[in-house]
Amino acid sequence: MNPRVLKTRKSIMNAFHDLMTEKKYESITIRDIVQRAGINRSTFYLHFLDKEDLMEQNSNFILEKLREAIQYPTFSLEAAQRDYEERQQPISSLIAFFNHIHEYFKFYSVMLGEKQFPQQLDEVIKEELLKFSLDKVRCAYNAGGLIGLIRYWVSTKMQESPEHMAKWVTQMLLFPYSQMDE
């Protein structure tokens, strides 16, 4: 995609994220979005049909970025345990996962309270976890736990670093019965 087009779309999405932290979705207008993004109305409509299309494309974009974070890089259980035991190194895809949540903090802080997004988030996490395990119950449990942890982290304004969160989850996954570090 053309870099100018990408820059304009990102500007529109950032303006939308900012506005969503200031007011309810229903009260945000196209006028608000274009003023915040510094574009004209016709430019908005070159990229999106309406506010609902912007919301849907925005959610799809964020969820696709989350998929990429979960997928990269893959790991083996043995290597992950060795890395953690020898160097206290968290699973790298968990670092990418929490860095993603951190990068899109404004989006998650609003969207976790919306009707459809938590369900979409749950589905994406479960789909990606099923690539590592065929146990659907375990994947559902882990997805629910991750969403709960994201909610906690976002609600506390991300007081812990992404690395801290990744280390905590790594320890829980690899050594569920060991004493947790504080």
Protein backbone atom coordinates (compact mmCIF):
# COMPACT_ATOMS: atom_id res chain seq x y z
CA MET A 1 0.00 0.00 0.00
CA ASN A 2 1.14 3.55 -0.77
CA PRO A 3 3.01 5.12 2.22
CA ARG A 4 0.82 8.25 2.05
CA VAL A 5 -2.32 6.14 2.20
CA LEU A 6 -0.94 4.21 5.17
CA LYS A 7 0.00 7.44 6.93
CA THR A 8 -3.49 8.89 6.40
CA ARG A 9 -5.21 5.70 7.61
CA LYS A 10 -2.99 5.61 10.67
CA SER A 11 -3.77 9.26 11.37
CA ILE A 12 -7.51 8.56 11.17
CA MET A 13 -7.23 5.49 13.41
CA ASN A 14 -5.10 7.35 15.97
CA ALA A 15 -7.60 10.21 16.04
CA PHE A 16 -10.37 7.66 16.56
CA HIS A 17 -8.46 5.96 19.42
CA ASP A 18 -7.86 9.32 21.11
CA LEU A 19 -11.50 10.31 20.81
CA MET A 20 -12.65 6.95 22.19
CA THR A 21 -10.72 7.63 25.39
CA GLU A 22 -12.44 11.01 25.71
CA LYS A 23 -16.05 10.22 24.88
CA LYS A 24 -18.42 7.37 24.19
CA TYR A 25 -18.38 5.76 20.75
CA GLU A 26 -21.97 6.83 20.05
CA SER A 27 -21.15 10.50 20.54
CA ILE A 28 -18.08 10.52 18.25
CA THR A 29 -18.85 12.08 14.88
CA ILE A 30 -17.04 11.95 11.56
CA ARG A 31 -16.46 15.68 12.04
CA ASP A 32 -14.67 14.97 15.36
CA ILE A 33 -12.48 12.35 13.69
CA VAL A 34 -11.47 14.44 10.68
CA GLN A 35 -10.76 17.50 12.83
CA ARG A 36 -8.55 15.47 15.15
CA ALA A 37 -6.79 13.75 12.24
CA GLY A 38 -6.26 17.04 10.41
CA ILE A 39 -7.90 15.85 7.20
CA ASN A 40 -11.02 16.79 5.30
CA ARG A 41 -14.22 14.80 5.27
CA SER A 42 -13.80 13.58 1.68
CA THR A 43 -10.40 12.09 2.59
CA PHE A 44 -12.06 10.13 5.40
CA TYR A 45 -14.60 8.70 2.94
CA LEU A 46 -11.83 7.64 0.56
CA HIS A 47 -10.66 5.26 3.30
CA PHE A 48 -13.82 4.30 5.21
CA LEU A 49 -17.54 4.03 4.45
CA ASP A 50 -18.60 5.39 7.84
CA LYS A 51 -17.75 5.30 11.54
CA GLU A 52 -18.85 1.65 11.84
CA ASP A 53 -16.56 0.66 8.96
CA LEU A 54 -13.70 2.50 10.69
CA MET A 55 -14.44 0.61 13.93
CA GLU A 56 -14.57 -2.74 12.15
CA GLN A 57 -11.42 -2.18 10.09
CA ASN A 58 -9.64 -0.84 13.15
CA SER A 59 -10.57 -3.89 15.22
CA ASN A 60 -9.53 -6.24 12.41
CA PHE A 61 -6.20 -4.43 12.05
CA ILE A 62 -5.46 -4.63 15.79
CA LEU A 63 -6.48 -8.29 15.99
CA GLU A 64 -4.29 -9.13 12.99
CA LYS A 65 -1.36 -7.42 14.72
CA LEU A 66 -2.13 -9.49 17.82
CA ARG A 67 -2.07 -12.69 15.72
CA GLU A 68 1.35 -11.72 14.40
CA ALA A 69 2.60 -11.10 17.93
CA ILE A 70 1.37 -14.47 19.18
CA GLN A 71 2.81 -16.36 16.20
CA TYR A 72 6.27 -14.86 16.29
CA PRO A 73 8.55 -16.50 17.12
CA THR A 74 7.47 -20.02 17.80
CA PHE A 75 9.11 -21.98 20.58
CA SER A 76 9.44 -25.47 21.97
CA LEU A 77 8.54 -26.28 25.55
CA GLU A 78 12.04 -27.59 26.23
CA ALA A 79 13.76 -24.48 24.87
CA ALA A 80 11.38 -22.19 26.75
CA GLN A 81 12.02 -24.03 30.03
CA ARG A 82 15.79 -23.93 29.48
CA ASP A 83 15.75 -20.20 28.60
CA TYR A 84 13.71 -19.42 31.68
CA GLU A 85 15.70 -21.60 34.10
CA GLU A 86 19.11 -20.45 32.83
CA ARG A 87 18.48 -16.77 32.06
CA GLN A 88 15.01 -15.93 33.44
CA GLN A 89 14.09 -15.25 29.78
CA PRO A 90 10.30 -15.18 29.17
CA ILE A 91 8.74 -16.83 26.12
CA SER A 92 9.51 -14.40 23.29
CA SER A 93 6.02 -14.54 21.77
CA LEU A 94 4.63 -13.46 25.16
CA ILE A 95 6.93 -10.44 25.12
CA ALA A 96 5.62 -9.63 21.62
CA PHE A 97 2.04 -10.20 22.87
CA PHE A 98 2.36 -7.78 25.80
CA ASN A 99 4.31 -5.25 23.71
CA HIS A 100 1.36 -5.29 21.31
CA ILE A 101 -1.15 -4.65 24.11
CA HIS A 102 1.11 -1.86 25.41
CA GLU A 103 1.41 -0.26 21.96
CA TYR A 104 -2.38 -0.22 21.51
CA PHE A 105 -3.23 0.61 25.13
CA LYS A 106 -5.81 3.28 24.23
CA PHE A 107 -7.63 0.91 21.91
CA TYR A 108 -7.73 -1.94 24.43
CA SER A 109 -8.71 0.33 27.31
CA VAL A 110 -11.87 1.27 25.42
CA MET A 111 -12.63 -1.87 23.43
CA LEU A 112 -12.48 -4.33 26.32
CA GLY A 113 -15.64 -2.62 27.56
CA GLU A 114 -17.48 -2.92 24.23
CA LYS A 115 -19.91 -5.72 23.41
CA GLN A 116 -18.26 -7.66 20.58
CA PHE A 117 -14.55 -7.02 20.94
CA PRO A 118 -13.80 -9.24 23.99
CA GLN A 119 -15.45 -12.15 22.18
CA GLN A 120 -13.41 -11.46 19.03
CA LEU A 121 -10.25 -11.23 21.15
CA ASP A 122 -11.07 -14.54 22.82
CA GLU A 123 -11.55 -16.24 19.44
CA VAL A 124 -8.24 -14.92 18.07
CA ILE A 125 -6.29 -16.01 21.14
CA LYS A 126 -7.91 -19.47 21.14
CA GLU A 127 -7.24 -19.94 17.40
CA GLU A 128 -3.58 -19.08 17.86
CA LEU A 129 -3.18 -21.20 21.00
CA LEU A 130 -4.69 -24.18 19.17
CA LYS A 131 -1.66 -24.07 16.88
CA PHE A 132 0.48 -25.00 19.90
CA SER A 133 -1.93 -27.46 21.55
CA LEU A 134 -4.82 -29.62 20.41
CA ASP A 135 -6.45 -29.44 23.83
CA LYS A 136 -9.42 -27.12 23.25
CA VAL A 137 -10.31 -26.92 26.94
CA ARG A 138 -6.78 -25.83 27.88
CA CYS A 139 -6.76 -23.24 25.08
CA ALA A 140 -10.13 -21.85 26.21
CA TYR A 141 -8.87 -21.67 29.80
CA ASN A 142 -5.62 -19.94 28.80
CA ALA A 143 -7.42 -17.49 26.50
CA GLY A 144 -9.80 -16.55 29.31
CA GLY A 145 -6.89 -16.11 31.69
CA LEU A 146 -4.98 -13.93 29.22
CA ILE A 147 -8.02 -11.73 28.64
CA GLY A 148 -8.50 -11.37 32.39
CA LEU A 149 -4.84 -10.46 32.75
CA ILE A 150 -5.09 -7.91 29.90
CA ARG A 151 -8.14 -6.36 31.63
CA TYR A 152 -6.22 -6.14 34.90
CA TRP A 153 -3.11 -4.69 33.26
CA VAL A 154 -5.06 -2.10 31.28
CA SER A 155 -7.17 -1.14 34.31
CA THR A 156 -4.01 -0.49 36.35
CA LYS A 157 -2.67 1.73 33.53
CA MET A 158 0.03 -0.85 32.76
CA GLN A 159 2.06 -0.31 35.91
CA GLU A 160 4.10 -3.41 35.10
CA SER A 161 6.29 -3.56 32.00
CA PRO A 162 5.45 -5.86 29.07
CA GLU A 163 8.55 -7.89 29.99
CA HIS A 164 7.33 -8.31 33.58
CA MET A 165 3.93 -9.50 32.36
CA ALA A 166 5.55 -11.92 29.88
CA LYS A 167 7.84 -13.28 32.60
CA TRP A 168 4.91 -13.81 34.95
CA VAL A 169 2.85 -15.68 32.34
CA THR A 170 5.89 -17.72 31.28
CA GLN A 171 6.46 -18.81 34.86
CA MET A 172 2.77 -19.73 35.24
CA LEU A 173 2.77 -21.74 32.00
CA LEU A 174 6.05 -23.56 32.47
CA PHE A 175 6.08 -24.03 36.23
CA PRO A 176 2.46 -23.75 37.43
CA TYR A 177 3.14 -25.21 40.86
CA SER A 178 6.28 -23.28 41.76
CA GLN A 179 6.43 -20.30 44.11
CA MET A 180 5.90 -17.11 42.09
CA ASP A 181 8.50 -14.35 42.15
CA GLU A 182 7.18 -10.93 43.07
